[in-house]
Amino acid sequence: MATEHHEICINVSIKAIRDGSHGISLSTPDKVLGEWTDSGAVSLTVTPENAISICDRDGTHRYLLTLPGTPVQPQQISKTEATVVVRM
């Protein structure tokens, strides 16, 4: 029985979300997967484990965002945006 894998590109960004507040957005090229307000989130970084570390103003780690599946091709776009391709 063959197992079929799909790759999905997920964008993580810190920005003004749909309700106008400052927060974090998770999206694919054609859909918003989720977003939440977080006035303390200022930057993010891709970790060596291919997760996303959300940081506050002084660079202190606030929390860690891990994605389902097998992460491949993580890319830091800017200090407030990253993409991770995950294989499901």
PDB file of N, CA and C in Angstrom:
ATOM      1  N   MET A   1       0.844  -1.176   0.000  1.00  0.00           N
ATOM      2  CA  MET A   1       0.000   0.000   0.000  1.00  0.00           C
ATOM      3  C   MET A   1       0.888   1.238   0.000  1.00  0.00           C
ATOM      4  N   ALA A   2       0.751   2.074  -0.989  1.00  0.00           N
ATOM      5  CA  ALA A   2       1.572   3.278  -1.115  1.00  0.00           C
ATOM      6  C   ALA A   2       1.007   4.396  -0.254  1.00  0.00           C
ATOM      7  N   THR A   3       1.903   5.129   0.368  1.00  0.00           N
ATOM      8  CA  THR A   3       1.491   6.276   1.168  1.00  0.00           C
ATOM      9  C   THR A   3       1.790   7.536   0.384  1.00  0.00           C
ATOM     10  N   GLU A   4       0.795   8.363   0.231  1.00  0.00           N
ATOM     11  CA  GLU A   4       0.960   9.599  -0.525  1.00  0.00           C
ATOM     12  C   GLU A   4       1.256  10.745   0.441  1.00  0.00           C
ATOM     13  N   HIS A   5       2.299  11.521   0.139  1.00  0.00           N
ATOM     14  CA  HIS A   5       2.664  12.658   0.976  1.00  0.00           C
ATOM     15  C   HIS A   5       2.298  13.954   0.261  1.00  0.00           C
ATOM     16  N   HIS A   6       1.861  14.911   1.032  1.00  0.00           N
ATOM     17  CA  HIS A   6       1.552  16.236   0.506  1.00  0.00           C
ATOM     18  C   HIS A   6       2.439  17.246   1.205  1.00  0.00           C
ATOM     19  N   GLU A   7       2.885  18.244   0.482  1.00  0.00           N
ATOM     20  CA  GLU A   7       3.659  19.334   1.090  1.00  0.00           C
ATOM     21  C   GLU A   7       2.800  20.587   1.109  1.00  0.00           C
ATOM     22  N   ILE A   8       2.825  21.259   2.247  1.00  0.00           N
ATOM     23  CA  ILE A   8       2.044  22.478   2.438  1.00  0.00           C
ATOM     24  C   ILE A   8       2.977  23.572   2.927  1.00  0.00           C
ATOM     25  N   CYS A   9       2.932  24.728   2.281  1.00  0.00           N
ATOM     26  CA  CYS A   9       3.728  25.879   2.695  1.00  0.00           C
ATOM     27  C   CYS A   9       2.897  26.704   3.679  1.00  0.00           C
ATOM     28  N   ILE A  10       3.428  26.880   4.893  1.00  0.00           N
ATOM     29  CA  ILE A  10       2.740  27.650   5.922  1.00  0.00           C
ATOM     30  C   ILE A  10       3.551  28.900   6.225  1.00  0.00           C
ATOM     31  N   ASN A  11       2.882  30.030   6.161  1.00  0.00           N
ATOM     32  CA  ASN A  11       3.499  31.318   6.455  1.00  0.00           C
ATOM     33  C   ASN A  11       3.115  31.718   7.880  1.00  0.00           C
ATOM     34  N   VAL A  12       4.097  32.119   8.659  1.00  0.00           N
ATOM     35  CA  VAL A  12       3.867  32.613  10.018  1.00  0.00           C
ATOM     36  C   VAL A  12       4.335  34.055  10.042  1.00  0.00           C
ATOM     37  N   SER A  13       3.467  34.959  10.480  1.00  0.00           N
ATOM     38  CA  SER A  13       3.869  36.364  10.503  1.00  0.00           C
ATOM     39  C   SER A  13       3.290  37.087  11.699  1.00  0.00           C
ATOM     40  N   ILE A  14       4.012  38.110  12.119  1.00  0.00           N
ATOM     41  CA  ILE A  14       3.569  39.014  13.177  1.00  0.00           C
ATOM     42  C   ILE A  14       3.184  40.301  12.468  1.00  0.00           C
ATOM     43  N   LYS A  15       1.908  40.680  12.604  1.00  0.00           N
ATOM     44  CA  LYS A  15       1.406  41.837  11.862  1.00  0.00           C
ATOM     45  C   LYS A  15       0.036  42.236  12.391  1.00  0.00           C
ATOM     46  N   ALA A  16      -0.588  43.202  11.748  1.00  0.00           N
ATOM     47  CA  ALA A  16      -1.977  43.525  12.050  1.00  0.00           C
ATOM     48  C   ALA A  16      -2.837  42.419  11.454  1.00  0.00           C
ATOM     49  N   ILE A  17      -3.627  41.761  12.292  1.00  0.00           N
ATOM     50  CA  ILE A  17      -4.467  40.678  11.800  1.00  0.00           C
ATOM     51  C   ILE A  17      -5.812  41.234  11.345  1.00  0.00           C
ATOM     52  N   ARG A  18      -6.712  40.370  10.909  1.00  0.00           N
ATOM     53  CA  ARG A  18      -7.957  40.804  10.276  1.00  0.00           C
ATOM     54  C   ARG A  18      -8.820  41.740  11.120  1.00  0.00           C
ATOM     55  N   ASP A  19      -8.797  41.601  12.441  1.00  0.00           N
ATOM     56  CA  ASP A  19      -9.616  42.504  13.264  1.00  0.00           C
ATOM     57  C   ASP A  19      -8.922  43.837  13.544  1.00  0.00           C
ATOM     58  N   GLY A  20      -7.723  44.016  12.989  1.00  0.00           N
ATOM     59  CA  GLY A  20      -6.988  45.267  13.136  1.00  0.00           C
ATOM     60  C   GLY A  20      -6.018  45.303  14.299  1.00  0.00           C
ATOM     61  N   SER A  21      -6.056  44.305  15.180  1.00  0.00           N
ATOM     62  CA  SER A  21      -5.137  44.278  16.313  1.00  0.00           C
ATOM     63  C   SER A  21      -3.805  43.652  15.904  1.00  0.00           C
ATOM     64  N   HIS A  22      -2.790  43.874  16.739  1.00  0.00           N
ATOM     65  CA  HIS A  22      -1.456  43.313  16.515  1.00  0.00           C
ATOM     66  C   HIS A  22      -1.485  41.852  16.938  1.00  0.00           C
ATOM     67  N   GLY A  23      -0.968  40.966  16.095  1.00  0.00           N
ATOM     68  CA  GLY A  23      -0.988  39.566  16.462  1.00  0.00           C
ATOM     69  C   GLY A  23      -0.170  38.694  15.549  1.00  0.00           C
ATOM     70  N   ILE A  24      -0.483  37.413  15.574  1.00  0.00           N
ATOM     71  CA  ILE A  24       0.242  36.397  14.828  1.00  0.00           C
ATOM     72  C   ILE A  24      -0.729  35.723  13.873  1.00  0.00           C
ATOM     73  N   SER A  25      -0.279  35.517  12.649  1.00  0.00           N
ATOM     74  CA  SER A  25      -1.113  34.912  11.621  1.00  0.00           C
ATOM     75  C   SER A  25      -0.426  33.681  11.052  1.00  0.00           C
ATOM     76  N   LEU A  26      -1.196  32.618  10.871  1.00  0.00           N
ATOM     77  CA  LEU A  26      -0.747  31.405  10.192  1.00  0.00           C
ATOM     78  C   LEU A  26      -1.583  31.274   8.933  1.00  0.00           C
ATOM     79  N   SER A  27      -0.929  31.108   7.794  1.00  0.00           N
ATOM     80  CA  SER A  27      -1.683  31.011   6.549  1.00  0.00           C
ATOM     81  C   SER A  27      -0.969  30.137   5.536  1.00  0.00           C
ATOM     82  N   THR A  28      -1.740  29.670   4.561  1.00  0.00           N
ATOM     83  CA  THR A  28      -1.205  29.025   3.375  1.00  0.00           C
ATOM     84  C   THR A  28      -1.348  30.062   2.264  1.00  0.00           C
ATOM     85  N   PRO A  29      -0.866  29.795   1.069  1.00  0.00           N
ATOM     86  CA  PRO A  29      -0.999  30.798   0.009  1.00  0.00           C
ATOM     87  C   PRO A  29      -2.446  31.219  -0.284  1.00  0.00           C
ATOM     88  N   ASP A  30      -3.424  30.353   0.002  1.00  0.00           N
ATOM     89  CA  ASP A  30      -4.806  30.693  -0.336  1.00  0.00           C
ATOM     90  C   ASP A  30      -5.782  30.718   0.831  1.00  0.00           C
ATOM     91  N   LYS A  31      -5.293  30.563   2.084  1.00  0.00           N
ATOM     92  CA  LYS A  31      -6.211  30.483   3.207  1.00  0.00           C
ATOM     93  C   LYS A  31      -5.553  30.908   4.519  1.00  0.00           C
ATOM     94  N   VAL A  32      -6.292  31.636   5.357  1.00  0.00           N
ATOM     95  CA  VAL A  32      -5.842  31.929   6.714  1.00  0.00           C
ATOM     96  C   VAL A  32      -6.191  30.714   7.565  1.00  0.00           C
ATOM     97  N   LEU A  33      -5.187  30.125   8.194  1.00  0.00           N
ATOM     98  CA  LEU A  33      -5.396  28.947   9.035  1.00  0.00           C
ATOM     99  C   LEU A  33      -5.792  29.344  10.449  1.00  0.00           C
ATOM    100  N   GLY A  34      -5.242  30.443  10.911  1.00  0.00           N
ATOM    101  CA  GLY A  34      -5.543  30.907  12.254  1.00  0.00           C
ATOM    102  C   GLY A  34      -4.795  32.181  12.550  1.00  0.00           C
ATOM    103  N   GLU A  35      -5.316  32.933  13.481  1.00  0.00           N
ATOM    104  CA  GLU A  35      -4.637  34.145  13.934  1.00  0.00           C
ATOM    105  C   GLU A  35      -5.120  34.465  15.334  1.00  0.00           C
ATOM    106  N   TRP A  36      -4.243  35.109  16.083  1.00  0.00           N
ATOM    107  CA  TRP A  36      -4.603  35.498  17.435  1.00  0.00           C
ATOM    108  C   TRP A  36      -3.876  36.778  17.802  1.00  0.00           C
ATOM    109  N   THR A  37      -4.476  37.526  18.714  1.00  0.00           N
ATOM    110  CA  THR A  37      -3.875  38.781  19.145  1.00  0.00           C
ATOM    111  C   THR A  37      -2.739  38.499  20.118  1.00  0.00           C
ATOM    112  N   ASP A  38      -1.703  39.299  20.018  1.00  0.00           N
ATOM    113  CA  ASP A  38      -0.568  39.232  20.941  1.00  0.00           C
ATOM    114  C   ASP A  38       0.198  40.539  20.805  1.00  0.00           C
ATOM    115  N   SER A  39      -0.101  41.483  21.669  1.00  0.00           N
ATOM    116  CA  SER A  39       0.541  42.797  21.584  1.00  0.00           C
ATOM    117  C   SER A  39       2.012  42.750  21.962  1.00  0.00           C
ATOM    118  N   GLY A  40       2.462  41.686  22.625  1.00  0.00           N
ATOM    119  CA  GLY A  40       3.856  41.580  23.032  1.00  0.00           C
ATOM    120  C   GLY A  40       4.761  40.893  22.023  1.00  0.00           C
ATOM    121  N   ALA A  41       4.179  40.270  21.014  1.00  0.00           N
ATOM    122  CA  ALA A  41       4.988  39.581  20.005  1.00  0.00           C
ATOM    123  C   ALA A  41       5.610  40.616  19.068  1.00  0.00           C
ATOM    124  N   VAL A  42       6.933  40.558  18.932  1.00  0.00           N
ATOM    125  CA  VAL A  42       7.641  41.543  18.119  1.00  0.00           C
ATOM    126  C   VAL A  42       8.445  40.893  17.003  1.00  0.00           C
ATOM    127  N   SER A  43       9.022  39.736  17.263  1.00  0.00           N
ATOM    128  CA  SER A  43       9.852  39.087  16.251  1.00  0.00           C
ATOM    129  C   SER A  43       9.696  37.576  16.347  1.00  0.00           C
ATOM    130  N   LEU A  44      10.174  36.906  15.315  1.00  0.00           N
ATOM    131  CA  LEU A  44      10.173  35.450  15.335  1.00  0.00           C
ATOM    132  C   LEU A  44      11.437  34.939  14.664  1.00  0.00           C
ATOM    133  N   THR A  45      11.812  33.724  15.003  1.00  0.00           N
ATOM    134  CA  THR A  45      12.973  33.088  14.387  1.00  0.00           C
ATOM    135  C   THR A  45      12.669  31.616  14.158  1.00  0.00           C
ATOM    136  N   VAL A  46      13.290  31.064  13.122  1.00  0.00           N
ATOM    137  CA  VAL A  46      13.212  29.628  12.869  1.00  0.00           C
ATOM    138  C   VAL A  46      14.273  28.976  13.741  1.00  0.00           C
ATOM    139  N   THR A  47      13.879  27.973  14.515  1.00  0.00           N
ATOM    140  CA  THR A  47      14.820  27.285  15.399  1.00  0.00           C
ATOM    141  C   THR A  47      15.543  26.176  14.637  1.00  0.00           C
ATOM    142  N   PRO A  48      16.632  25.647  15.187  1.00  0.00           N
ATOM    143  CA  PRO A  48      17.330  24.532  14.539  1.00  0.00           C
ATOM    144  C   PRO A  48      16.435  23.293  14.352  1.00  0.00           C
ATOM    145  N   GLU A  49      15.380  23.194  15.160  1.00  0.00           N
ATOM    146  CA  GLU A  49      14.443  22.069  15.064  1.00  0.00           C
ATOM    147  C   GLU A  49      13.312  22.354  14.074  1.00  0.00           C
ATOM    148  N   ASN A  50      13.401  23.479  13.344  1.00  0.00           N
ATOM    149  CA  ASN A  50      12.412  23.894  12.349  1.00  0.00           C
ATOM    150  C   ASN A  50      11.069  24.302  12.950  1.00  0.00           C
ATOM    151  N   ALA A  51      11.086  24.748  14.180  1.00  0.00           N
ATOM    152  CA  ALA A  51       9.909  25.327  14.818  1.00  0.00           C
ATOM    153  C   ALA A  51      10.055  26.853  14.724  1.00  0.00           C
ATOM    154  N   ILE A  52       9.060  27.579  15.201  1.00  0.00           N
ATOM    155  CA  ILE A  52       9.101  29.039  15.174  1.00  0.00           C
ATOM    156  C   ILE A  52       9.079  29.549  16.609  1.00  0.00           C
ATOM    157  N   SER A  53      10.092  30.315  16.974  1.00  0.00           N
ATOM    158  CA  SER A  53      10.162  30.934  18.293  1.00  0.00           C
ATOM    159  C   SER A  53       9.614  32.353  18.182  1.00  0.00           C
ATOM    160  N   ILE A  54       8.576  32.647  18.952  1.00  0.00           N
ATOM    161  CA  ILE A  54       7.984  33.985  18.996  1.00  0.00           C
ATOM    162  C   ILE A  54       8.630  34.721  20.168  1.00  0.00           C
ATOM    163  N   CYS A  55       9.126  35.941  19.912  1.00  0.00           N
ATOM    164  CA  CYS A  55       9.880  36.690  20.919  1.00  0.00           C
ATOM    165  C   CYS A  55       9.232  38.050  21.193  1.00  0.00           C
ATOM    166  N   ASP A  56       9.551  38.605  22.369  1.00  0.00           N
ATOM    167  CA  ASP A  56       9.039  39.937  22.721  1.00  0.00           C
ATOM    168  C   ASP A  56      10.063  41.006  22.363  1.00  0.00           C
ATOM    169  N   ARG A  57       9.831  42.232  22.834  1.00  0.00           N
ATOM    170  CA  ARG A  57      10.664  43.381  22.459  1.00  0.00           C
ATOM    171  C   ARG A  57      12.152  43.208  22.752  1.00  0.00           C
ATOM    172  N   ASP A  58      12.473  42.601  23.868  1.00  0.00           N
ATOM    173  CA  ASP A  58      13.897  42.449  24.202  1.00  0.00           C
ATOM    174  C   ASP A  58      14.489  41.128  23.696  1.00  0.00           C
ATOM    175  N   GLY A  59      13.750  40.413  22.848  1.00  0.00           N
ATOM    176  CA  GLY A  59      14.249  39.174  22.263  1.00  0.00           C
ATOM    177  C   GLY A  59      14.022  37.948  23.124  1.00  0.00           C
ATOM    178  N   THR A  60      13.320  38.109  24.244  1.00  0.00           N
ATOM    179  CA  THR A  60      13.040  36.979  25.124  1.00  0.00           C
ATOM    180  C   THR A  60      11.994  36.075  24.477  1.00  0.00           C
ATOM    181  N   HIS A  61      12.264  34.797  24.501  1.00  0.00           N
ATOM    182  CA  HIS A  61      11.354  33.797  23.949  1.00  0.00           C
ATOM    183  C   HIS A  61      10.027  33.831  24.705  1.00  0.00           C
ATOM    184  N   ARG A  62       8.909  33.996  23.979  1.00  0.00           N
ATOM    185  CA  ARG A  62       7.568  33.991  24.572  1.00  0.00           C
ATOM    186  C   ARG A  62       6.966  32.590  24.517  1.00  0.00           C
ATOM    187  N   TYR A  63       6.995  31.989  23.350  1.00  0.00           N
ATOM    188  CA  TYR A  63       6.503  30.633  23.182  1.00  0.00           C
ATOM    189  C   TYR A  63       7.001  30.048  21.872  1.00  0.00           C
ATOM    190  N   LEU A  64       6.808  28.742  21.725  1.00  0.00           N
ATOM    191  CA  LEU A  64       7.312  27.999  20.586  1.00  0.00           C
ATOM    192  C   LEU A  64       6.138  27.452  19.779  1.00  0.00           C
ATOM    193  N   LEU A  65       6.160  27.698  18.480  1.00  0.00           N
ATOM    194  CA  LEU A  65       5.126  27.214  17.585  1.00  0.00           C
ATOM    195  C   LEU A  65       5.705  26.047  16.786  1.00  0.00           C
ATOM    196  N   THR A  66       5.131  24.874  16.971  1.00  0.00           N
ATOM    197  CA  THR A  66       5.540  23.714  16.183  1.00  0.00           C
ATOM    198  C   THR A  66       4.399  23.365  15.239  1.00  0.00           C
ATOM    199  N   LEU A  67       4.748  22.868  14.082  1.00  0.00           N
ATOM    200  CA  LEU A  67       3.755  22.555  13.063  1.00  0.00           C
ATOM    201  C   LEU A  67       3.638  21.048  12.902  1.00  0.00           C
ATOM    202  N   PRO A  68       2.452  20.560  12.528  1.00  0.00           N
ATOM    203  CA  PRO A  68       2.290  19.117  12.328  1.00  0.00           C
ATOM    204  C   PRO A  68       3.040  18.662  11.080  1.00  0.00           C
ATOM    205  N   GLY A  69       3.260  17.370  10.989  1.00  0.00           N
ATOM    206  CA  GLY A  69       3.960  16.823   9.836  1.00  0.00           C
ATOM    207  C   GLY A  69       5.464  16.928  10.007  1.00  0.00           C
ATOM    208  N   THR A  70       6.178  16.716   8.919  1.00  0.00           N
ATOM    209  CA  THR A  70       7.633  16.793   8.910  1.00  0.00           C
ATOM    210  C   THR A  70       8.042  18.115   8.273  1.00  0.00           C
ATOM    211  N   PRO A  71       8.664  19.013   9.057  1.00  0.00           N
ATOM    212  CA  PRO A  71       9.057  20.296   8.480  1.00  0.00           C
ATOM    213  C   PRO A  71      10.249  20.147   7.530  1.00  0.00           C
ATOM    214  N   VAL A  72      10.127  20.766   6.366  1.00  0.00           N
ATOM    215  CA  VAL A  72      11.215  20.833   5.381  1.00  0.00           C
ATOM    216  C   VAL A  72      11.259  22.255   4.856  1.00  0.00           C
ATOM    217  N   GLN A  73      12.389  22.685   4.437  1.00  0.00           N
ATOM    218  CA  GLN A  73      12.581  23.994   3.822  1.00  0.00           C
ATOM    219  C   GLN A  73      12.074  25.178   4.656  1.00  0.00           C
ATOM    220  N   PRO A  74      12.475  25.295   5.926  1.00  0.00           N
ATOM    221  CA  PRO A  74      12.105  26.509   6.658  1.00  0.00           C
ATOM    222  C   PRO A  74      12.894  27.698   6.108  1.00  0.00           C
ATOM    223  N   GLN A  75      12.277  28.845   6.099  1.00  0.00           N
ATOM    224  CA  GLN A  75      12.964  30.032   5.585  1.00  0.00           C
ATOM    225  C   GLN A  75      12.549  31.249   6.398  1.00  0.00           C
ATOM    226  N   GLN A  76      13.538  31.948   6.925  1.00  0.00           N
ATOM    227  CA  GLN A  76      13.312  33.216   7.616  1.00  0.00           C
ATOM    228  C   GLN A  76      13.214  34.296   6.543  1.00  0.00           C
ATOM    229  N   ILE A  77      12.061  34.923   6.404  1.00  0.00           N
ATOM    230  CA  ILE A  77      11.851  35.961   5.393  1.00  0.00           C
ATOM    231  C   ILE A  77      12.289  37.326   5.927  1.00  0.00           C
ATOM    232  N   SER A  78      11.896  37.616   7.157  1.00  0.00           N
ATOM    233  CA  SER A  78      12.253  38.870   7.827  1.00  0.00           C
ATOM    234  C   SER A  78      12.186  38.618   9.319  1.00  0.00           C
ATOM    235  N   LYS A  79      12.390  39.649  10.122  1.00  0.00           N
ATOM    236  CA  LYS A  79      12.325  39.424  11.579  1.00  0.00           C
ATOM    237  C   LYS A  79      10.896  39.183  12.060  1.00  0.00           C
ATOM    238  N   THR A  80       9.901  39.401  11.179  1.00  0.00           N
ATOM    239  CA  THR A  80       8.504  39.173  11.560  1.00  0.00           C
ATOM    240  C   THR A  80       7.780  38.161  10.673  1.00  0.00           C
ATOM    241  N   GLU A  81       8.517  37.473   9.812  1.00  0.00           N
ATOM    242  CA  GLU A  81       7.864  36.523   8.906  1.00  0.00           C
ATOM    243  C   GLU A  81       8.778  35.354   8.565  1.00  0.00           C
ATOM    244  N   ALA A  82       8.173  34.166   8.534  1.00  0.00           N
ATOM    245  CA  ALA A  82       8.891  32.954   8.149  1.00  0.00           C
ATOM    246  C   ALA A  82       7.934  32.031   7.420  1.00  0.00           C
ATOM    247  N   THR A  83       8.476  31.157   6.609  1.00  0.00           N
ATOM    248  CA  THR A  83       7.686  30.116   5.967  1.00  0.00           C
ATOM    249  C   THR A  83       8.307  28.777   6.284  1.00  0.00           C
ATOM    250  N   VAL A  84       7.445  27.771   6.411  1.00  0.00           N
ATOM    251  CA  VAL A  84       7.909  26.413   6.627  1.00  0.00           C
ATOM    252  C   VAL A  84       7.066  25.514   5.730  1.00  0.00           C
ATOM    253  N   VAL A  85       7.727  24.719   4.924  1.00  0.00           N
ATOM    254  CA  VAL A  85       7.032  23.700   4.145  1.00  0.00           C
ATOM    255  C   VAL A  85       6.986  22.460   5.018  1.00  0.00           C
ATOM    256  N   VAL A  86       5.773  21.916   5.207  1.00  0.00           N
ATOM    257  CA  VAL A  86       5.619  20.692   5.987  1.00  0.00           C
ATOM    258  C   VAL A  86       5.113  19.579   5.090  1.00  0.00           C
ATOM    259  N   ARG A  87       5.642  18.402   5.309  1.00  0.00           N
ATOM    260  CA  ARG A  87       5.217  17.220   4.569  1.00  0.00           C
ATOM    261  C   ARG A  87       4.252  16.443   5.459  1.00  0.00           C
ATOM    262  N   MET A  88       3.077  16.191   4.929  1.00  0.00           N
ATOM    263  CA  MET A  88       2.032  15.485   5.679  1.00  0.00           C
ATOM    264  C   MET A  88       1.849  14.090   5.112  1.00  0.00           C
TER     265      MET A  88
END
